[in-house]
Amino acid sequence: PKVMDWFFENYLTYWTKKRVKTKFHTNPELILFYRECLLHGHLKLSAYFIGNELACAFIGYDVPDNTYILHLTTFNQKFADYSPGIIHNDML
């Protein structure tokens, strides 16, 4: 739940600063839906840490041939110059 909380808070903050309204902004109940899907294993949450800090996180799903498909991503702006999402993706 801690990573999940960080994911949605970070995702919303990023897009709010960009003045973009996502579906999570216009339909907050969608966050509850995603949380339930994550808690019941219908979606996967993957996180990458640098030290003790979250650098990025992905929400995605597995398909039968052992492929992980990214659906939503967010990253810690503090580590933007290091491209934590690319590093994380390469590790999956």
PDB file of N, CA and C in Angstrom:
ATOM      1  N   PRO A   1       0.805  -1.227   0.000  1.00  0.00           N
ATOM      2  CA  PRO A   1       0.000   0.000   0.000  1.00  0.00           C
ATOM      3  C   PRO A   1       0.842   1.284   0.000  1.00  0.00           C
ATOM      4  N   LYS A   2       2.027   1.264   0.640  1.00  0.00           N
ATOM      5  CA  LYS A   2       2.851   2.469   0.653  1.00  0.00           C
ATOM      6  C   LYS A   2       3.277   2.863  -0.766  1.00  0.00           C
ATOM      7  N   VAL A   3       3.741   1.894  -1.533  1.00  0.00           N
ATOM      8  CA  VAL A   3       4.149   2.171  -2.917  1.00  0.00           C
ATOM      9  C   VAL A   3       2.928   2.583  -3.735  1.00  0.00           C
ATOM     10  N   MET A   4       1.814   1.926  -3.498  1.00  0.00           N
ATOM     11  CA  MET A   4       0.586   2.253  -4.219  1.00  0.00           C
ATOM     12  C   MET A   4       0.164   3.703  -3.928  1.00  0.00           C
ATOM     13  N   ASP A   5       0.223   4.095  -2.655  1.00  0.00           N
ATOM     14  CA  ASP A   5      -0.111   5.476  -2.286  1.00  0.00           C
ATOM     15  C   ASP A   5       0.818   6.451  -2.984  1.00  0.00           C
ATOM     16  N   TRP A   6       2.126   6.137  -2.949  1.00  0.00           N
ATOM     17  CA  TRP A   6       3.106   7.000  -3.601  1.00  0.00           C
ATOM     18  C   TRP A   6       2.818   7.107  -5.095  1.00  0.00           C
ATOM     19  N   PHE A   7       2.503   5.983  -5.710  1.00  0.00           N
ATOM     20  CA  PHE A   7       2.248   5.980  -7.147  1.00  0.00           C
ATOM     21  C   PHE A   7       1.160   6.990  -7.507  1.00  0.00           C
ATOM     22  N   PHE A   8       0.000   6.873  -6.879  1.00  0.00           N
ATOM     23  CA  PHE A   8      -1.120   7.740  -7.248  1.00  0.00           C
ATOM     24  C   PHE A   8      -0.874   9.194  -6.859  1.00  0.00           C
ATOM     25  N   GLU A   9      -0.260   9.418  -5.715  1.00  0.00           N
ATOM     26  CA  GLU A   9       0.039  10.789  -5.302  1.00  0.00           C
ATOM     27  C   GLU A   9       1.023  11.431  -6.269  1.00  0.00           C
ATOM     28  N   ASN A  10       2.072  10.716  -6.609  1.00  0.00           N
ATOM     29  CA  ASN A  10       3.082  11.232  -7.523  1.00  0.00           C
ATOM     30  C   ASN A  10       2.512  11.446  -8.925  1.00  0.00           C
ATOM     31  N   TYR A  11       1.733  10.488  -9.391  1.00  0.00           N
ATOM     32  CA  TYR A  11       1.118  10.579 -10.722  1.00  0.00           C
ATOM     33  C   TYR A  11       0.230  11.813 -10.807  1.00  0.00           C
ATOM     34  N   LEU A  12      -0.638  12.004  -9.818  1.00  0.00           N
ATOM     35  CA  LEU A  12      -1.554  13.148  -9.811  1.00  0.00           C
ATOM     36  C   LEU A  12      -0.795  14.470  -9.703  1.00  0.00           C
ATOM     37  N   THR A  13       0.215  14.509  -8.857  1.00  0.00           N
ATOM     38  CA  THR A  13       1.001  15.736  -8.684  1.00  0.00           C
ATOM     39  C   THR A  13       1.709  16.115  -9.980  1.00  0.00           C
ATOM     40  N   TYR A  14       2.313  15.140 -10.628  1.00  0.00           N
ATOM     41  CA  TYR A  14       3.027  15.399 -11.883  1.00  0.00           C
ATOM     42  C   TYR A  14       2.102  16.031 -12.922  1.00  0.00           C
ATOM     43  N   TRP A  15       0.954  15.407 -13.147  1.00  0.00           N
ATOM     44  CA  TRP A  15       0.054  15.901 -14.186  1.00  0.00           C
ATOM     45  C   TRP A  15      -0.650  17.182 -13.790  1.00  0.00           C
ATOM     46  N   THR A  16      -0.872  17.389 -12.494  1.00  0.00           N
ATOM     47  CA  THR A  16      -1.457  18.649 -12.028  1.00  0.00           C
ATOM     48  C   THR A  16      -0.499  19.798 -12.331  1.00  0.00           C
ATOM     49  N   LYS A  17       0.786  19.590 -12.069  1.00  0.00           N
ATOM     50  CA  LYS A  17       1.784  20.627 -12.358  1.00  0.00           C
ATOM     51  C   LYS A  17       1.859  20.930 -13.849  1.00  0.00           C
ATOM     52  N   LYS A  18       1.598  19.932 -14.669  1.00  0.00           N
ATOM     53  CA  LYS A  18       1.599  20.120 -16.124  1.00  0.00           C
ATOM     54  C   LYS A  18       0.273  20.706 -16.628  1.00  0.00           C
ATOM     55  N   ARG A  19      -0.675  20.884 -15.697  1.00  0.00           N
ATOM     56  CA  ARG A  19      -2.022  21.394 -16.007  1.00  0.00           C
ATOM     57  C   ARG A  19      -2.784  20.477 -16.960  1.00  0.00           C
ATOM     58  N   VAL A  20      -2.569  19.186 -16.748  1.00  0.00           N
ATOM     59  CA  VAL A  20      -3.272  18.172 -17.535  1.00  0.00           C
ATOM     60  C   VAL A  20      -4.216  17.434 -16.605  1.00  0.00           C
ATOM     61  N   LYS A  21      -5.461  17.327 -17.017  1.00  0.00           N
ATOM     62  CA  LYS A  21      -6.431  16.572 -16.221  1.00  0.00           C
ATOM     63  C   LYS A  21      -6.518  15.153 -16.770  1.00  0.00           C
ATOM     64  N   THR A  22      -6.079  14.226 -15.959  1.00  0.00           N
ATOM     65  CA  THR A  22      -6.145  12.824 -16.351  1.00  0.00           C
ATOM     66  C   THR A  22      -7.498  12.254 -15.946  1.00  0.00           C
ATOM     67  N   LYS A  23      -7.741  11.014 -16.315  1.00  0.00           N
ATOM     68  CA  LYS A  23      -8.983  10.359 -15.903  1.00  0.00           C
ATOM     69  C   LYS A  23      -9.045  10.212 -14.388  1.00  0.00           C
ATOM     70  N   PHE A  24      -7.883  10.156 -13.737  1.00  0.00           N
ATOM     71  CA  PHE A  24      -7.868  10.074 -12.282  1.00  0.00           C
ATOM     72  C   PHE A  24      -8.295  11.396 -11.649  1.00  0.00           C
ATOM     73  N   HIS A  25      -8.054  12.500 -12.337  1.00  0.00           N
ATOM     74  CA  HIS A  25      -8.492  13.803 -11.849  1.00  0.00           C
ATOM     75  C   HIS A  25      -9.999  13.958 -12.016  1.00  0.00           C
ATOM     76  N   THR A  26     -10.491  13.574 -13.165  1.00  0.00           N
ATOM     77  CA  THR A  26     -11.911  13.782 -13.460  1.00  0.00           C
ATOM     78  C   THR A  26     -12.810  12.696 -12.889  1.00  0.00           C
ATOM     79  N   ASN A  27     -12.234  11.555 -12.564  1.00  0.00           N
ATOM     80  CA  ASN A  27     -13.008  10.449 -12.015  1.00  0.00           C
ATOM     81  C   ASN A  27     -12.206   9.784 -10.886  1.00  0.00           C
ATOM     82  N   PRO A  28     -12.173  10.413  -9.691  1.00  0.00           N
ATOM     83  CA  PRO A  28     -11.355   9.885  -8.588  1.00  0.00           C
ATOM     84  C   PRO A  28     -11.700   8.451  -8.187  1.00  0.00           C
ATOM     85  N   GLU A  29     -12.917   7.998  -8.480  1.00  0.00           N
ATOM     86  CA  GLU A  29     -13.293   6.619  -8.154  1.00  0.00           C
ATOM     87  C   GLU A  29     -12.450   5.622  -8.929  1.00  0.00           C
ATOM     88  N   LEU A  30     -11.866   6.069 -10.022  1.00  0.00           N
ATOM     89  CA  LEU A  30     -11.016   5.202 -10.833  1.00  0.00           C
ATOM     90  C   LEU A  30      -9.787   4.753 -10.037  1.00  0.00           C
ATOM     91  N   ILE A  31      -9.295   5.608  -9.145  1.00  0.00           N
ATOM     92  CA  ILE A  31      -8.170   5.223  -8.291  1.00  0.00           C
ATOM     93  C   ILE A  31      -8.573   4.044  -7.412  1.00  0.00           C
ATOM     94  N   LEU A  32      -9.771   4.085  -6.872  1.00  0.00           N
ATOM     95  CA  LEU A  32     -10.257   2.966  -6.049  1.00  0.00           C
ATOM     96  C   LEU A  32     -10.339   1.684  -6.865  1.00  0.00           C
ATOM     97  N   PHE A  33     -10.782   1.801  -8.109  1.00  0.00           N
ATOM     98  CA  PHE A  33     -10.861   0.636  -8.997  1.00  0.00           C
ATOM     99  C   PHE A  33      -9.462   0.041  -9.218  1.00  0.00           C
ATOM    100  N   TYR A  34      -8.496   0.900  -9.531  1.00  0.00           N
ATOM    101  CA  TYR A  34      -7.121   0.423  -9.745  1.00  0.00           C
ATOM    102  C   TYR A  34      -6.557  -0.202  -8.483  1.00  0.00           C
ATOM    103  N   ARG A  35      -6.825   0.406  -7.329  1.00  0.00           N
ATOM    104  CA  ARG A  35      -6.350  -0.155  -6.063  1.00  0.00           C
ATOM    105  C   ARG A  35      -6.904  -1.563  -5.857  1.00  0.00           C
ATOM    106  N   GLU A  36      -8.177  -1.738  -6.115  1.00  0.00           N
ATOM    107  CA  GLU A  36      -8.789  -3.064  -5.968  1.00  0.00           C
ATOM    108  C   GLU A  36      -8.168  -4.065  -6.945  1.00  0.00           C
ATOM    109  N   CYS A  37      -7.959  -3.640  -8.174  1.00  0.00           N
ATOM    110  CA  CYS A  37      -7.329  -4.525  -9.167  1.00  0.00           C
ATOM    111  C   CYS A  37      -5.927  -4.927  -8.722  1.00  0.00           C
ATOM    112  N   LEU A  38      -5.181  -3.981  -8.148  1.00  0.00           N
ATOM    113  CA  LEU A  38      -3.836  -4.278  -7.654  1.00  0.00           C
ATOM    114  C   LEU A  38      -3.891  -5.223  -6.456  1.00  0.00           C
ATOM    115  N   LEU A  39      -4.778  -4.935  -5.523  1.00  0.00           N
ATOM    116  CA  LEU A  39      -4.869  -5.754  -4.315  1.00  0.00           C
ATOM    117  C   LEU A  39      -5.304  -7.192  -4.608  1.00  0.00           C
ATOM    118  N   HIS A  40      -6.082  -7.370  -5.675  1.00  0.00           N
ATOM    119  CA  HIS A  40      -6.568  -8.711  -6.027  1.00  0.00           C
ATOM    120  C   HIS A  40      -5.712  -9.388  -7.100  1.00  0.00           C
ATOM    121  N   GLY A  41      -4.615  -8.745  -7.488  1.00  0.00           N
ATOM    122  CA  GLY A  41      -3.689  -9.375  -8.425  1.00  0.00           C
ATOM    123  C   GLY A  41      -4.060  -9.283  -9.894  1.00  0.00           C
ATOM    124  N   HIS A  42      -5.060  -8.480 -10.233  1.00  0.00           N
ATOM    125  CA  HIS A  42      -5.428  -8.327 -11.647  1.00  0.00           C
ATOM    126  C   HIS A  42      -4.453  -7.405 -12.379  1.00  0.00           C
ATOM    127  N   LEU A  43      -3.813  -6.508 -11.629  1.00  0.00           N
ATOM    128  CA  LEU A  43      -2.760  -5.649 -12.151  1.00  0.00           C
ATOM    129  C   LEU A  43      -1.531  -5.841 -11.257  1.00  0.00           C
ATOM    130  N   LYS A  44      -0.376  -5.506 -11.783  1.00  0.00           N
ATOM    131  CA  LYS A  44       0.875  -5.630 -11.034  1.00  0.00           C
ATOM    132  C   LYS A  44       1.460  -4.242 -10.797  1.00  0.00           C
ATOM    133  N   LEU A  45       2.027  -4.053  -9.618  1.00  0.00           N
ATOM    134  CA  LEU A  45       2.718  -2.818  -9.287  1.00  0.00           C
ATOM    135  C   LEU A  45       4.186  -3.153  -9.100  1.00  0.00           C
ATOM    136  N   SER A  46       5.033  -2.470  -9.833  1.00  0.00           N
ATOM    137  CA  SER A  46       6.461  -2.708  -9.762  1.00  0.00           C
ATOM    138  C   SER A  46       7.143  -1.394  -9.401  1.00  0.00           C
ATOM    139  N   ALA A  47       8.081  -1.447  -8.457  1.00  0.00           N
ATOM    140  CA  ALA A  47       8.750  -0.231  -8.004  1.00  0.00           C
ATOM    141  C   ALA A  47      10.263  -0.380  -8.086  1.00  0.00           C
ATOM    142  N   TYR A  48      10.921   0.729  -8.314  1.00  0.00           N
ATOM    143  CA  TYR A  48      12.389   0.781  -8.355  1.00  0.00           C
ATOM    144  C   TYR A  48      12.846   1.830  -7.347  1.00  0.00           C
ATOM    145  N   PHE A  49      13.723   1.419  -6.459  1.00  0.00           N
ATOM    146  CA  PHE A  49      14.237   2.301  -5.422  1.00  0.00           C
ATOM    147  C   PHE A  49      15.677   2.673  -5.717  1.00  0.00           C
ATOM    148  N   ILE A  50      16.036   3.882  -5.349  1.00  0.00           N
ATOM    149  CA  ILE A  50      17.430   4.302  -5.319  1.00  0.00           C
ATOM    150  C   ILE A  50      17.698   4.598  -3.847  1.00  0.00           C
ATOM    151  N   GLY A  51      18.508   3.764  -3.244  1.00  0.00           N
ATOM    152  CA  GLY A  51      18.663   3.836  -1.793  1.00  0.00           C
ATOM    153  C   GLY A  51      17.338   3.470  -1.148  1.00  0.00           C
ATOM    154  N   ASN A  52      16.850   4.307  -0.285  1.00  0.00           N
ATOM    155  CA  ASN A  52      15.559   4.075   0.373  1.00  0.00           C
ATOM    156  C   ASN A  52      14.433   4.884  -0.246  1.00  0.00           C
ATOM    157  N   GLU A  53      14.715   5.558  -1.348  1.00  0.00           N
ATOM    158  CA  GLU A  53      13.700   6.411  -1.973  1.00  0.00           C
ATOM    159  C   GLU A  53      13.126   5.763  -3.222  1.00  0.00           C
ATOM    160  N   LEU A  54      11.823   5.913  -3.379  1.00  0.00           N
ATOM    161  CA  LEU A  54      11.188   5.437  -4.605  1.00  0.00           C
ATOM    162  C   LEU A  54      11.632   6.315  -5.764  1.00  0.00           C
ATOM    163  N   ALA A  55      12.128   5.690  -6.809  1.00  0.00           N
ATOM    164  CA  ALA A  55      12.567   6.426  -7.985  1.00  0.00           C
ATOM    165  C   ALA A  55      11.498   6.392  -9.075  1.00  0.00           C
ATOM    166  N   CYS A  56      10.820   5.254  -9.198  1.00  0.00           N
ATOM    167  CA  CYS A  56       9.727   5.156 -10.165  1.00  0.00           C
ATOM    168  C   CYS A  56       8.878   3.935  -9.845  1.00  0.00           C
ATOM    169  N   ALA A  57       7.706   3.917 -10.426  1.00  0.00           N
ATOM    170  CA  ALA A  57       6.819   2.765 -10.247  1.00  0.00           C
ATOM    171  C   ALA A  57       5.985   2.598 -11.510  1.00  0.00           C
ATOM    172  N   PHE A  58       5.655   1.348 -11.784  1.00  0.00           N
ATOM    173  CA  PHE A  58       4.854   0.998 -12.954  1.00  0.00           C
ATOM    174  C   PHE A  58       3.627   0.214 -12.512  1.00  0.00           C
ATOM    175  N   ILE A  59       2.536   0.449 -13.187  1.00  0.00           N
ATOM    176  CA  ILE A  59       1.364  -0.420 -13.087  1.00  0.00           C
ATOM    177  C   ILE A  59       1.234  -1.082 -14.446  1.00  0.00           C
ATOM    178  N   GLY A  60       1.090  -2.380 -14.435  1.00  0.00           N
ATOM    179  CA  GLY A  60       0.969  -3.115 -15.681  1.00  0.00           C
ATOM    180  C   GLY A  60       0.324  -4.457 -15.439  1.00  0.00           C
ATOM    181  N   TYR A  61       0.466  -5.325 -16.397  1.00  0.00           N
ATOM    182  CA  TYR A  61      -0.107  -6.666 -16.272  1.00  0.00           C
ATOM    183  C   TYR A  61       0.735  -7.653 -17.053  1.00  0.00           C
ATOM    184  N   ASP A  62       0.635  -8.892 -16.609  1.00  0.00           N
ATOM    185  CA  ASP A  62       1.340  -9.979 -17.276  1.00  0.00           C
ATOM    186  C   ASP A  62       0.435 -10.588 -18.334  1.00  0.00           C
ATOM    187  N   VAL A  63       1.045 -11.026 -19.403  1.00  0.00           N
ATOM    188  CA  VAL A  63       0.310 -11.774 -20.425  1.00  0.00           C
ATOM    189  C   VAL A  63       0.901 -13.178 -20.469  1.00  0.00           C
ATOM    190  N   PRO A  64       0.185 -14.131 -21.062  1.00  0.00           N
ATOM    191  CA  PRO A  64       0.582 -15.541 -20.984  1.00  0.00           C
ATOM    192  C   PRO A  64       2.014 -15.883 -21.398  1.00  0.00           C
ATOM    193  N   ASP A  65       2.643 -15.118 -22.267  1.00  0.00           N
ATOM    194  CA  ASP A  65       4.001 -15.496 -22.704  1.00  0.00           C
ATOM    195  C   ASP A  65       5.094 -14.879 -21.824  1.00  0.00           C
ATOM    196  N   ASN A  66       4.757 -14.590 -20.552  1.00  0.00           N
ATOM    197  CA  ASN A  66       5.694 -14.008 -19.579  1.00  0.00           C
ATOM    198  C   ASN A  66       6.148 -12.602 -19.947  1.00  0.00           C
ATOM    199  N   THR A  67       5.316 -11.869 -20.629  1.00  0.00           N
ATOM    200  CA  THR A  67       5.597 -10.481 -20.973  1.00  0.00           C
ATOM    201  C   THR A  67       4.870  -9.578 -19.993  1.00  0.00           C
ATOM    202  N   TYR A  68       5.562  -8.552 -19.525  1.00  0.00           N
ATOM    203  CA  TYR A  68       4.949  -7.552 -18.650  1.00  0.00           C
ATOM    204  C   TYR A  68       4.625  -6.342 -19.500  1.00  0.00           C
ATOM    205  N   ILE A  69       3.373  -5.940 -19.532  1.00  0.00           N
ATOM    206  CA  ILE A  69       2.958  -4.798 -20.338  1.00  0.00           C
ATOM    207  C   ILE A  69       2.707  -3.612 -19.416  1.00  0.00           C
ATOM    208  N   LEU A  70       3.424  -2.533 -19.691  1.00  0.00           N
ATOM    209  CA  LEU A  70       3.249  -1.318 -18.904  1.00  0.00           C
ATOM    210  C   LEU A  70       1.934  -0.653 -19.265  1.00  0.00           C
ATOM    211  N   HIS A  71       1.264  -0.159 -18.254  1.00  0.00           N
ATOM    212  CA  HIS A  71       0.005   0.544 -18.474  1.00  0.00           C
ATOM    213  C   HIS A  71       0.122   1.996 -18.018  1.00  0.00           C
ATOM    214  N   LEU A  72       0.621   2.207 -16.796  1.00  0.00           N
ATOM    215  CA  LEU A  72       0.827   3.548 -16.253  1.00  0.00           C
ATOM    216  C   LEU A  72       2.198   3.598 -15.591  1.00  0.00           C
ATOM    217  N   THR A  73       2.849   4.739 -15.690  1.00  0.00           N
ATOM    218  CA  THR A  73       4.150   4.902 -15.053  1.00  0.00           C
ATOM    219  C   THR A  73       4.204   6.249 -14.349  1.00  0.00           C
ATOM    220  N   THR A  74       5.064   6.340 -13.356  1.00  0.00           N
ATOM    221  CA  THR A  74       5.369   7.615 -12.723  1.00  0.00           C
ATOM    222  C   THR A  74       6.772   7.538 -12.155  1.00  0.00           C
ATOM    223  N   PHE A  75       7.405   8.692 -11.982  1.00  0.00           N
ATOM    224  CA  PHE A  75       8.761   8.680 -11.459  1.00  0.00           C
ATOM    225  C   PHE A  75       8.992   9.881 -10.557  1.00  0.00           C
ATOM    226  N   ASN A  76       9.976   9.743  -9.699  1.00  0.00           N
ATOM    227  CA  ASN A  76      10.371  10.792  -8.778  1.00  0.00           C
ATOM    228  C   ASN A  76      11.166  11.833  -9.564  1.00  0.00           C
ATOM    229  N   GLN A  77      10.674  13.057  -9.609  1.00  0.00           N
ATOM    230  CA  GLN A  77      11.328  14.125 -10.380  1.00  0.00           C
ATOM    231  C   GLN A  77      12.766  14.368  -9.929  1.00  0.00           C
ATOM    232  N   LYS A  78      13.051  14.063  -8.680  1.00  0.00           N
ATOM    233  CA  LYS A  78      14.400  14.232  -8.143  1.00  0.00           C
ATOM    234  C   LYS A  78      15.431  13.422  -8.936  1.00  0.00           C
ATOM    235  N   PHE A  79      14.987  12.285  -9.494  1.00  0.00           N
ATOM    236  CA  PHE A  79      15.889  11.404 -10.234  1.00  0.00           C
ATOM    237  C   PHE A  79      15.699  11.482 -11.744  1.00  0.00           C
ATOM    238  N   ALA A  80      15.024  12.496 -12.220  1.00  0.00           N
ATOM    239  CA  ALA A  80      14.695  12.594 -13.649  1.00  0.00           C
ATOM    240  C   ALA A  80      15.930  12.521 -14.544  1.00  0.00           C
ATOM    241  N   ASP A  81      17.021  13.143 -14.135  1.00  0.00           N
ATOM    242  CA  ASP A  81      18.237  13.142 -14.966  1.00  0.00           C
ATOM    243  C   ASP A  81      18.850  11.763 -15.134  1.00  0.00           C
ATOM    244  N   TYR A  82      18.455  10.830 -14.275  1.00  0.00           N
ATOM    245  CA  TYR A  82      19.018   9.472 -14.318  1.00  0.00           C
ATOM    246  C   TYR A  82      18.118   8.472 -15.039  1.00  0.00           C
ATOM    247  N   SER A  83      16.977   8.931 -15.533  1.00  0.00           N
ATOM    248  CA  SER A  83      16.027   8.076 -16.253  1.00  0.00           C
ATOM    249  C   SER A  83      15.699   6.796 -15.504  1.00  0.00           C
ATOM    250  N   PRO A  84      15.159   6.901 -14.287  1.00  0.00           N
ATOM    251  CA  PRO A  84      14.890   5.684 -13.507  1.00  0.00           C
ATOM    252  C   PRO A  84      13.895   4.749 -14.170  1.00  0.00           C
ATOM    253  N   GLY A  85      12.987   5.291 -14.961  1.00  0.00           N
ATOM    254  CA  GLY A  85      12.010   4.433 -15.650  1.00  0.00           C
ATOM    255  C   GLY A  85      12.679   3.515 -16.659  1.00  0.00           C
ATOM    256  N   ILE A  86      13.670   4.017 -17.359  1.00  0.00           N
ATOM    257  CA  ILE A  86      14.379   3.187 -18.341  1.00  0.00           C
ATOM    258  C   ILE A  86      15.165   2.096 -17.630  1.00  0.00           C
ATOM    259  N   ILE A  87      15.830   2.466 -16.543  1.00  0.00           N
ATOM    260  CA  ILE A  87      16.599   1.477 -15.768  1.00  0.00           C
ATOM    261  C   ILE A  87      15.651   0.411 -15.220  1.00  0.00           C
ATOM    262  N   HIS A  88      14.536   0.849 -14.647  1.00  0.00           N
ATOM    263  CA  HIS A  88      13.560  -0.080 -14.085  1.00  0.00           C
ATOM    264  C   HIS A  88      13.007  -1.013 -15.163  1.00  0.00           C
ATOM    265  N   ASN A  89      12.637  -0.443 -16.288  1.00  0.00           N
ATOM    266  CA  ASN A  89      12.095  -1.248 -17.373  1.00  0.00           C
ATOM    267  C   ASN A  89      13.085  -2.298 -17.843  1.00  0.00           C
ATOM    268  N   ASP A  90      14.343  -1.938 -17.927  1.00  0.00           N
ATOM    269  CA  ASP A  90      15.378  -2.894 -18.358  1.00  0.00           C
ATOM    270  C   ASP A  90      15.555  -4.033 -17.360  1.00  0.00           C
ATOM    271  N   MET A  91      15.196  -3.786 -16.101  1.00  0.00           N
ATOM    272  CA  MET A  91      15.347  -4.813 -15.063  1.00  0.00           C
ATOM    273  C   MET A  91      14.178  -5.786 -15.032  1.00  0.00           C
ATOM    274  N   LEU A  92      13.074  -5.432 -15.647  1.00  0.00           N
ATOM    275  CA  LEU A  92      11.897  -6.317 -15.618  1.00  0.00           C
ATOM    276  C   LEU A  92      12.066  -7.507 -16.534  1.00  0.00           C
TER     277      LEU A  92
END
